[in-house]
Structure formats: structure tokens, C-alpha cells
């Protein structure tokens, strides 16, 4: 088992620099696609005066959650490496557990032509992402405001879980609803592999997040 990467605490300045570098890569690589450019522009405008980190923190505070700083997004350049390395196909149905603003779902729907469904607990994220999906983006994307345990696992054949900030208990609680996953379904996790006999670890690759480097793991439901 590959151990989780240790995260060094970054200053706000370092985070801003890394976010800026990532956005420059996104603009160069993906903004040539007009549909995605429009989608990402609307996503930017909808959060221009409402920081998603602050939105998530306030929501988690009201819910009494211990870890109120758990929000984060998978960089799109990292997501591209993951779907290429793990052979994700246009015929796949992608379920994003904890989809945040929905940017990853919009990206994979546009560039990989997958049907994508985002599950997110924070209502503001869902309302804004759903508006974009209806009025701007591809019709292949839908969003659901619910807990991760309430997701319909009989629908997807690929599940993406960036559970770096999740506790062991929270991840283990998903194994019961995930029993409805079809045999051969792919489950991708970040930082830690699944520790369950129903999921065979196939492959792991190094990936980069804003906070540092870690591993992405590919499992197959047996």
C-alpha cells in the first residue's frame, strides 16, 4: 500500500500563485473549446463575489462538522491525467462524489463526452451548477443536492472520490450504498486506496493538487 503524501502547510501567497499557474494552463489547453470557455466563464462570474471556500466553510459550520476546511477542487490538468491513465471512455457514466462547483463534471462532459452526475452537499454549489448545466453547458451533466450516501450507485460505471479530507469512518460508510455498483465498475480515489475485498486495486499514478503531490488509485468492483 502506498502511503498518503504528507501535506505541507502553504501560505495564502503560495496557494494563489499555484492557482494562477493552473488557470494559465487551463486557458491555454481548454479555452479553445468555445463551449467549455462559455461554461467556465459563467462559473467564474457566478462566484466573482462569493468565494466557494467561504461558502463551504459557513455551510459546514452550520452543520456542526468538525473539519470545516475540507473544500477543494481537482485541478483540470490533473483530471485529464487521471482519465487518460485510467482509460475513461465517452461511453462511461461518471459519478463525482463531492462535485463542489461542478467544474470537473463540466470538463469531463465536454472533453470526454461522458454523461456526468455531480453529488454535492452544499446547496449553493448545486443551484449554480444546475443553472449553468441548463442554460449554458452540455445536457450530459446533472447535479444532485444530497449526501454521498444517498447517491444512486446503480447508475455509474465510474465513480470519482477525492476523499483526501474524509475520515476513515466516512469512507467506510460508503461501502454499503456502493454495493449496488455493477461488476467491473471503476472506482477512482485520491490519496488512499479502498480497503475493501469487493474492490481490486488495479493501478496508481502520481498526481498534483494545489496543496501538493499524492496518488490517484484505480479500483475495479469485483
C-alpha atoms as a PDB file:
ATOM      1  CA  UNK A   1       0.000   0.000   0.000  1.00  0.00           C
ATOM      2  CA  UNK A   2       1.316   3.429  -0.942  1.00  0.00           C
ATOM      3  CA  UNK A   3       1.165   5.795   1.960  1.00  0.00           C
ATOM      4  CA  UNK A   4      -0.650   9.102   1.697  1.00  0.00           C
ATOM      5  CA  UNK A   5       1.550  12.055   0.850  1.00  0.00           C
ATOM      6  CA  UNK A   6       2.246  14.422   3.691  1.00  0.00           C
ATOM      7  CA  UNK A   7       0.875  17.875   3.002  1.00  0.00           C
ATOM      8  CA  UNK A   8       2.972  20.890   3.892  1.00  0.00           C
ATOM      9  CA  UNK A   9       1.035  23.894   5.087  1.00  0.00           C
ATOM     10  CA  UNK A  10       1.072  26.508   2.317  1.00  0.00           C
ATOM     11  CA  UNK A  11       0.834  30.245   2.729  1.00  0.00           C
ATOM     12  CA  UNK A  12      -2.008  32.144   1.048  1.00  0.00           C
ATOM     13  CA  UNK A  13       0.515  33.632  -1.354  1.00  0.00           C
ATOM     14  CA  UNK A  14       1.781  30.188  -2.397  1.00  0.00           C
ATOM     15  CA  UNK A  15      -1.776  28.978  -2.928  1.00  0.00           C
ATOM     16  CA  UNK A  16      -2.643  31.999  -5.072  1.00  0.00           C
ATOM     17  CA  UNK A  17       0.478  31.503  -7.190  1.00  0.00           C
ATOM     18  CA  UNK A  18      -0.310  27.817  -7.743  1.00  0.00           C
ATOM     19  CA  UNK A  19      -3.939  28.614  -8.593  1.00  0.00           C
ATOM     20  CA  UNK A  20      -2.810  31.258 -11.057  1.00  0.00           C
ATOM     21  CA  UNK A  21      -0.356  28.867 -12.757  1.00  0.00           C
ATOM     22  CA  UNK A  22      -3.047  26.208 -13.028  1.00  0.00           C
ATOM     23  CA  UNK A  23      -5.521  28.689 -14.516  1.00  0.00           C
ATOM     24  CA  UNK A  24      -2.985  29.767 -17.131  1.00  0.00           C
ATOM     25  CA  UNK A  25      -2.626  26.104 -18.161  1.00  0.00           C
ATOM     26  CA  UNK A  26      -6.424  25.745 -18.282  1.00  0.00           C
ATOM     27  CA  UNK A  27      -6.766  28.782 -20.535  1.00  0.00           C
ATOM     28  CA  UNK A  28      -4.074  27.541 -22.918  1.00  0.00           C
ATOM     29  CA  UNK A  29      -5.281  23.933 -23.033  1.00  0.00           C
ATOM     30  CA  UNK A  30      -9.054  24.132 -22.839  1.00  0.00           C
ATOM     31  CA  UNK A  31     -10.368  27.586 -23.742  1.00  0.00           C
ATOM     32  CA  UNK A  32     -10.032  26.855 -27.444  1.00  0.00           C
ATOM     33  CA  UNK A  33     -13.196  24.851 -26.943  1.00  0.00           C
ATOM     34  CA  UNK A  34     -15.910  27.508 -27.166  1.00  0.00           C
ATOM     35  CA  UNK A  35     -18.489  25.538 -25.207  1.00  0.00           C
ATOM     36  CA  UNK A  36     -16.178  24.961 -22.276  1.00  0.00           C
ATOM     37  CA  UNK A  37     -14.931  28.553 -22.390  1.00  0.00           C
ATOM     38  CA  UNK A  38     -18.510  29.816 -22.034  1.00  0.00           C
ATOM     39  CA  UNK A  39     -19.235  27.344 -19.249  1.00  0.00           C
ATOM     40  CA  UNK A  40     -16.114  28.247 -17.306  1.00  0.00           C
ATOM     41  CA  UNK A  41     -16.717  31.971 -17.810  1.00  0.00           C
ATOM     42  CA  UNK A  42     -20.207  31.727 -16.316  1.00  0.00           C
ATOM     43  CA  UNK A  43     -18.815  29.635 -13.473  1.00  0.00           C
ATOM     44  CA  UNK A  44     -16.277  32.384 -12.778  1.00  0.00           C
ATOM     45  CA  UNK A  45     -18.906  35.136 -12.899  1.00  0.00           C
ATOM     46  CA  UNK A  46     -21.295  33.328 -10.566  1.00  0.00           C
ATOM     47  CA  UNK A  47     -18.560  33.147  -7.912  1.00  0.00           C
ATOM     48  CA  UNK A  48     -16.990  36.519  -8.582  1.00  0.00           C
ATOM     49  CA  UNK A  49     -18.310  37.956  -5.312  1.00  0.00           C
ATOM     50  CA  UNK A  50     -18.847  34.705  -3.402  1.00  0.00           C
ATOM     51  CA  UNK A  51     -15.738  32.692  -2.552  1.00  0.00           C
ATOM     52  CA  UNK A  52     -16.508  28.934  -2.768  1.00  0.00           C
ATOM     53  CA  UNK A  53     -14.160  28.172   0.129  1.00  0.00           C
ATOM     54  CA  UNK A  54     -16.055  30.629   2.340  1.00  0.00           C
ATOM     55  CA  UNK A  55     -19.426  29.276   1.167  1.00  0.00           C
ATOM     56  CA  UNK A  56     -18.426  25.722   2.055  1.00  0.00           C
ATOM     57  CA  UNK A  57     -16.902  26.729   5.389  1.00  0.00           C
ATOM     58  CA  UNK A  58     -20.044  28.581   6.533  1.00  0.00           C
ATOM     59  CA  UNK A  59     -22.263  25.699   5.446  1.00  0.00           C
ATOM     60  CA  UNK A  60     -20.182  23.134   7.333  1.00  0.00           C
ATOM     61  CA  UNK A  61     -20.118  25.358  10.416  1.00  0.00           C
ATOM     62  CA  UNK A  62     -23.932  25.444  10.452  1.00  0.00           C
ATOM     63  CA  UNK A  63     -23.990  21.668  10.108  1.00  0.00           C
ATOM     64  CA  UNK A  64     -21.616  21.298  13.053  1.00  0.00           C
ATOM     65  CA  UNK A  65     -18.968  19.473  11.028  1.00  0.00           C
ATOM     66  CA  UNK A  66     -15.562  19.248  12.725  1.00  0.00           C
ATOM     67  CA  UNK A  67     -13.445  19.736   9.619  1.00  0.00           C
ATOM     68  CA  UNK A  68     -14.804  22.956   8.089  1.00  0.00           C
ATOM     69  CA  UNK A  69     -11.803  23.411   5.783  1.00  0.00           C
ATOM     70  CA  UNK A  70     -12.373  20.350   3.626  1.00  0.00           C
ATOM     71  CA  UNK A  71     -13.282  22.096   0.372  1.00  0.00           C
ATOM     72  CA  UNK A  72     -11.020  21.658  -2.614  1.00  0.00           C
ATOM     73  CA  UNK A  73     -11.162  21.037  -6.349  1.00  0.00           C
ATOM     74  CA  UNK A  74      -9.283  18.632  -8.568  1.00  0.00           C
ATOM     75  CA  UNK A  75      -7.169  20.707 -10.996  1.00  0.00           C
ATOM     76  CA  UNK A  76      -8.404  20.128 -14.536  1.00  0.00           C
ATOM     77  CA  UNK A  77      -4.911  19.274 -15.757  1.00  0.00           C
ATOM     78  CA  UNK A  78      -4.771  16.592 -13.056  1.00  0.00           C
ATOM     79  CA  UNK A  79      -8.215  15.328 -14.020  1.00  0.00           C
ATOM     80  CA  UNK A  80      -7.041  14.991 -17.617  1.00  0.00           C
ATOM     81  CA  UNK A  81      -4.083  12.871 -16.498  1.00  0.00           C
ATOM     82  CA  UNK A  82      -6.403  10.662 -14.436  1.00  0.00           C
ATOM     83  CA  UNK A  83      -8.928   9.963 -17.197  1.00  0.00           C
ATOM     84  CA  UNK A  84      -6.163   9.298 -19.720  1.00  0.00           C
ATOM     85  CA  UNK A  85      -4.213   6.987 -17.422  1.00  0.00           C
ATOM     86  CA  UNK A  86      -7.302   5.076 -16.284  1.00  0.00           C
ATOM     87  CA  UNK A  87      -8.792   4.700 -19.781  1.00  0.00           C
ATOM     88  CA  UNK A  88     -12.070   6.556 -19.274  1.00  0.00           C
ATOM     89  CA  UNK A  89     -14.233   6.376 -22.413  1.00  0.00           C
ATOM     90  CA  UNK A  90     -17.062   8.531 -23.856  1.00  0.00           C
ATOM     91  CA  UNK A  91     -19.453   5.664 -23.170  1.00  0.00           C
ATOM     92  CA  UNK A  92     -18.754   5.831 -19.426  1.00  0.00           C
ATOM     93  CA  UNK A  93     -21.142   7.291 -16.866  1.00  0.00           C
ATOM     94  CA  UNK A  94     -19.135   9.446 -14.449  1.00  0.00           C
ATOM     95  CA  UNK A  95     -20.289   9.977 -10.857  1.00  0.00           C
ATOM     96  CA  UNK A  96     -18.412  12.697  -8.938  1.00  0.00           C
ATOM     97  CA  UNK A  97     -18.829  12.312  -5.182  1.00  0.00           C
ATOM     98  CA  UNK A  98     -18.402  15.794  -3.748  1.00  0.00           C
ATOM     99  CA  UNK A  99     -18.506  17.723  -7.020  1.00  0.00           C
ATOM    100  CA  UNK A 100     -18.177  21.204  -5.483  1.00  0.00           C
ATOM    101  CA  UNK A 101     -18.832  23.905  -8.083  1.00  0.00           C
ATOM    102  CA  UNK A 102     -19.178  21.193 -10.727  1.00  0.00           C
ATOM    103  CA  UNK A 103     -16.182  22.264 -12.805  1.00  0.00           C
ATOM    104  CA  UNK A 104     -14.816  18.737 -13.130  1.00  0.00           C
ATOM    105  CA  UNK A 105     -18.195  17.410 -14.314  1.00  0.00           C
ATOM    106  CA  UNK A 106     -18.468  20.166 -16.910  1.00  0.00           C
ATOM    107  CA  UNK A 107     -14.938  19.448 -18.127  1.00  0.00           C
ATOM    108  CA  UNK A 108     -15.272  15.672 -18.472  1.00  0.00           C
ATOM    109  CA  UNK A 109     -18.645  16.037 -20.165  1.00  0.00           C
ATOM    110  CA  UNK A 110     -17.226  18.431 -22.758  1.00  0.00           C
ATOM    111  CA  UNK A 111     -13.798  16.907 -23.415  1.00  0.00           C
ATOM    112  CA  UNK A 112     -14.509  13.205 -22.806  1.00  0.00           C
ATOM    113  CA  UNK A 113     -18.198  13.318 -23.798  1.00  0.00           C
ATOM    114  CA  UNK A 114     -19.161  11.280 -20.739  1.00  0.00           C
ATOM    115  CA  UNK A 115     -22.507  11.521 -19.049  1.00  0.00           C
ATOM    116  CA  UNK A 116     -21.649  13.124 -15.717  1.00  0.00           C
ATOM    117  CA  UNK A 117     -23.507  13.455 -12.441  1.00  0.00           C
ATOM    118  CA  UNK A 118     -22.265  15.547  -9.531  1.00  0.00           C
ATOM    119  CA  UNK A 119     -23.287  14.804  -5.948  1.00  0.00           C
ATOM    120  CA  UNK A 120     -22.807  17.690  -3.555  1.00  0.00           C
ATOM    121  CA  UNK A 121     -23.995  18.558  -0.034  1.00  0.00           C
ATOM    122  CA  UNK A 122     -23.728  22.359  -0.318  1.00  0.00           C
ATOM    123  CA  UNK A 123     -26.974  23.729  -1.856  1.00  0.00           C
ATOM    124  CA  UNK A 124     -25.389  26.888  -3.313  1.00  0.00           C
ATOM    125  CA  UNK A 125     -22.971  24.822  -5.385  1.00  0.00           C
ATOM    126  CA  UNK A 126     -25.790  22.687  -6.762  1.00  0.00           C
ATOM    127  CA  UNK A 127     -28.113  25.583  -7.617  1.00  0.00           C
ATOM    128  CA  UNK A 128     -25.423  27.455  -9.558  1.00  0.00           C
ATOM    129  CA  UNK A 129     -24.041  24.364 -11.299  1.00  0.00           C
ATOM    130  CA  UNK A 130     -27.567  23.254 -12.260  1.00  0.00           C
ATOM    131  CA  UNK A 131     -28.309  26.697 -13.739  1.00  0.00           C
ATOM    132  CA  UNK A 132     -25.177  26.503 -15.889  1.00  0.00           C
ATOM    133  CA  UNK A 133     -25.993  22.934 -16.944  1.00  0.00           C
ATOM    134  CA  UNK A 134     -29.474  24.036 -18.032  1.00  0.00           C
ATOM    135  CA  UNK A 135     -28.645  27.315 -19.767  1.00  0.00           C
ATOM    136  CA  UNK A 136     -25.003  27.158 -20.884  1.00  0.00           C
ATOM    137  CA  UNK A 137     -23.332  23.756 -20.780  1.00  0.00           C
ATOM    138  CA  UNK A 138     -23.891  20.354 -22.309  1.00  0.00           C
ATOM    139  CA  UNK A 139     -27.078  18.473 -21.477  1.00  0.00           C
ATOM    140  CA  UNK A 140     -24.933  15.493 -20.458  1.00  0.00           C
ATOM    141  CA  UNK A 141     -24.397  16.982 -16.978  1.00  0.00           C
ATOM    142  CA  UNK A 142     -26.769  16.845 -13.995  1.00  0.00           C
ATOM    143  CA  UNK A 143     -26.318  17.679 -10.321  1.00  0.00           C
ATOM    144  CA  UNK A 144     -27.913  16.351  -7.158  1.00  0.00           C
ATOM    145  CA  UNK A 145     -28.046  18.039  -3.760  1.00  0.00           C
ATOM    146  CA  UNK A 146     -27.610  15.175  -1.301  1.00  0.00           C
ATOM    147  CA  UNK A 147     -25.154  13.391   0.920  1.00  0.00           C
ATOM    148  CA  UNK A 148     -22.717  10.990  -0.729  1.00  0.00           C
ATOM    149  CA  UNK A 149     -24.508   8.026   0.836  1.00  0.00           C
ATOM    150  CA  UNK A 150     -27.730   8.997  -0.986  1.00  0.00           C
ATOM    151  CA  UNK A 151     -26.170   8.769  -4.450  1.00  0.00           C
ATOM    152  CA  UNK A 152     -27.599   6.261  -6.918  1.00  0.00           C
ATOM    153  CA  UNK A 153     -24.698   3.851  -7.343  1.00  0.00           C
ATOM    154  CA  UNK A 154     -26.626   1.629  -9.752  1.00  0.00           C
ATOM    155  CA  UNK A 155     -26.258   4.363 -12.407  1.00  0.00           C
ATOM    156  CA  UNK A 156     -22.497   4.956 -12.942  1.00  0.00           C
ATOM    157  CA  UNK A 157     -19.724   2.733 -14.222  1.00  0.00           C
ATOM    158  CA  UNK A 158     -17.058   5.184 -12.985  1.00  0.00           C
ATOM    159  CA  UNK A 159     -17.042   6.721  -9.501  1.00  0.00           C
ATOM    160  CA  UNK A 160     -14.643   9.522  -8.612  1.00  0.00           C
ATOM    161  CA  UNK A 161     -13.943  10.211  -4.935  1.00  0.00           C
ATOM    162  CA  UNK A 162     -11.403  12.817  -3.921  1.00  0.00           C
ATOM    163  CA  UNK A 163     -11.576  11.788  -0.279  1.00  0.00           C
ATOM    164  CA  UNK A 164      -8.327  13.299   0.967  1.00  0.00           C
ATOM    165  CA  UNK A 165     -10.100  15.220   3.750  1.00  0.00           C
ATOM    166  CA  UNK A 166     -12.574  12.446   4.593  1.00  0.00           C
ATOM    167  CA  UNK A 167     -12.194  10.322   7.691  1.00  0.00           C
ATOM    168  CA  UNK A 168     -11.850   6.535   7.521  1.00  0.00           C
ATOM    169  CA  UNK A 169     -15.343   6.218   9.006  1.00  0.00           C
ATOM    170  CA  UNK A 170     -16.852   8.461   6.309  1.00  0.00           C
ATOM    171  CA  UNK A 171     -15.264   6.440   3.521  1.00  0.00           C
ATOM    172  CA  UNK A 172     -16.286   3.112   5.068  1.00  0.00           C
ATOM    173  CA  UNK A 173     -19.882   4.385   5.321  1.00  0.00           C
ATOM    174  CA  UNK A 174     -19.967   4.489   1.506  1.00  0.00           C
ATOM    175  CA  UNK A 175     -19.323   0.762   1.116  1.00  0.00           C
ATOM    176  CA  UNK A 176     -22.952  -0.131   1.901  1.00  0.00           C
ATOM    177  CA  UNK A 177     -24.618   2.061  -0.777  1.00  0.00           C
ATOM    178  CA  UNK A 178     -21.791   1.240  -3.190  1.00  0.00           C
ATOM    179  CA  UNK A 179     -22.862  -2.411  -3.153  1.00  0.00           C
ATOM    180  CA  UNK A 180     -25.258  -1.526  -5.973  1.00  0.00           C
ATOM    181  CA  UNK A 181     -22.345  -0.707  -8.293  1.00  0.00           C
ATOM    182  CA  UNK A 182     -22.216  -3.077 -11.247  1.00  0.00           C
ATOM    183  CA  UNK A 183     -19.439  -5.639 -11.521  1.00  0.00           C
ATOM    184  CA  UNK A 184     -16.478  -4.171 -13.378  1.00  0.00           C
ATOM    185  CA  UNK A 185     -17.281  -0.586 -12.430  1.00  0.00           C
ATOM    186  CA  UNK A 186     -14.250   1.649 -11.885  1.00  0.00           C
ATOM    187  CA  UNK A 187     -13.710   3.496  -8.614  1.00  0.00           C
ATOM    188  CA  UNK A 188     -11.061   6.223  -8.553  1.00  0.00           C
ATOM    189  CA  UNK A 189      -9.829   7.560  -5.222  1.00  0.00           C
ATOM    190  CA  UNK A 190      -7.294  10.192  -4.256  1.00  0.00           C
ATOM    191  CA  UNK A 191      -4.576   9.846  -1.573  1.00  0.00           C
ATOM    192  CA  UNK A 192      -5.715   6.454  -0.232  1.00  0.00           C
ATOM    193  CA  UNK A 193      -6.826   3.184  -1.877  1.00  0.00           C
ATOM    194  CA  UNK A 194     -10.052   1.499  -0.838  1.00  0.00           C
ATOM    195  CA  UNK A 195      -9.596  -1.106   1.857  1.00  0.00           C
ATOM    196  CA  UNK A 196     -12.412  -3.497   0.967  1.00  0.00           C
ATOM    197  CA  UNK A 197     -12.419  -7.005  -0.570  1.00  0.00           C
ATOM    198  CA  UNK A 198     -15.010  -6.014  -3.202  1.00  0.00           C
ATOM    199  CA  UNK A 199     -12.616  -3.569  -4.853  1.00  0.00           C
ATOM    200  CA  UNK A 200      -9.466  -4.759  -6.583  1.00  0.00           C
ATOM    201  CA  UNK A 201      -6.658  -2.212  -6.807  1.00  0.00           C
ATOM    202  CA  UNK A 202      -5.525  -2.120 -10.447  1.00  0.00           C
ATOM    203  CA  UNK A 203      -3.206   0.836 -10.768  1.00  0.00           C
ATOM    204  CA  UNK A 204      -1.924   4.000  -9.085  1.00  0.00           C
ATOM    205  CA  UNK A 205      -0.342   7.126 -10.542  1.00  0.00           C
ATOM    206  CA  UNK A 206       1.274  10.250  -9.042  1.00  0.00           C
ATOM    207  CA  UNK A 207      -0.899  13.356  -9.347  1.00  0.00           C
ATOM    208  CA  UNK A 208      -0.590  17.017  -8.482  1.00  0.00           C
ATOM    209  CA  UNK A 209      -3.051  19.103  -6.478  1.00  0.00           C
ATOM    210  CA  UNK A 210      -2.785  22.728  -5.390  1.00  0.00           C
ATOM    211  CA  UNK A 211      -1.752  21.590  -1.908  1.00  0.00           C
ATOM    212  CA  UNK A 212       0.895  19.142  -3.144  1.00  0.00           C
ATOM    213  CA  UNK A 213       1.528  15.744  -4.698  1.00  0.00           C
ATOM    214  CA  UNK A 214      -0.247  12.498  -3.904  1.00  0.00           C
ATOM    215  CA  UNK A 215      -1.510   9.305  -5.605  1.00  0.00           C
ATOM    216  CA  UNK A 216      -4.638   8.500  -7.590  1.00  0.00           C
ATOM    217  CA  UNK A 217      -5.872   4.899  -7.349  1.00  0.00           C
ATOM    218  CA  UNK A 218      -7.940   2.868  -9.784  1.00  0.00           C
ATOM    219  CA  UNK A 219     -10.077   0.014  -8.441  1.00  0.00           C
ATOM    220  CA  UNK A 220     -12.424  -2.441 -10.161  1.00  0.00           C
ATOM    221  CA  UNK A 221     -15.615  -3.658  -8.475  1.00  0.00           C
ATOM    222  CA  UNK A 222     -15.492  -7.454  -8.303  1.00  0.00           C
END
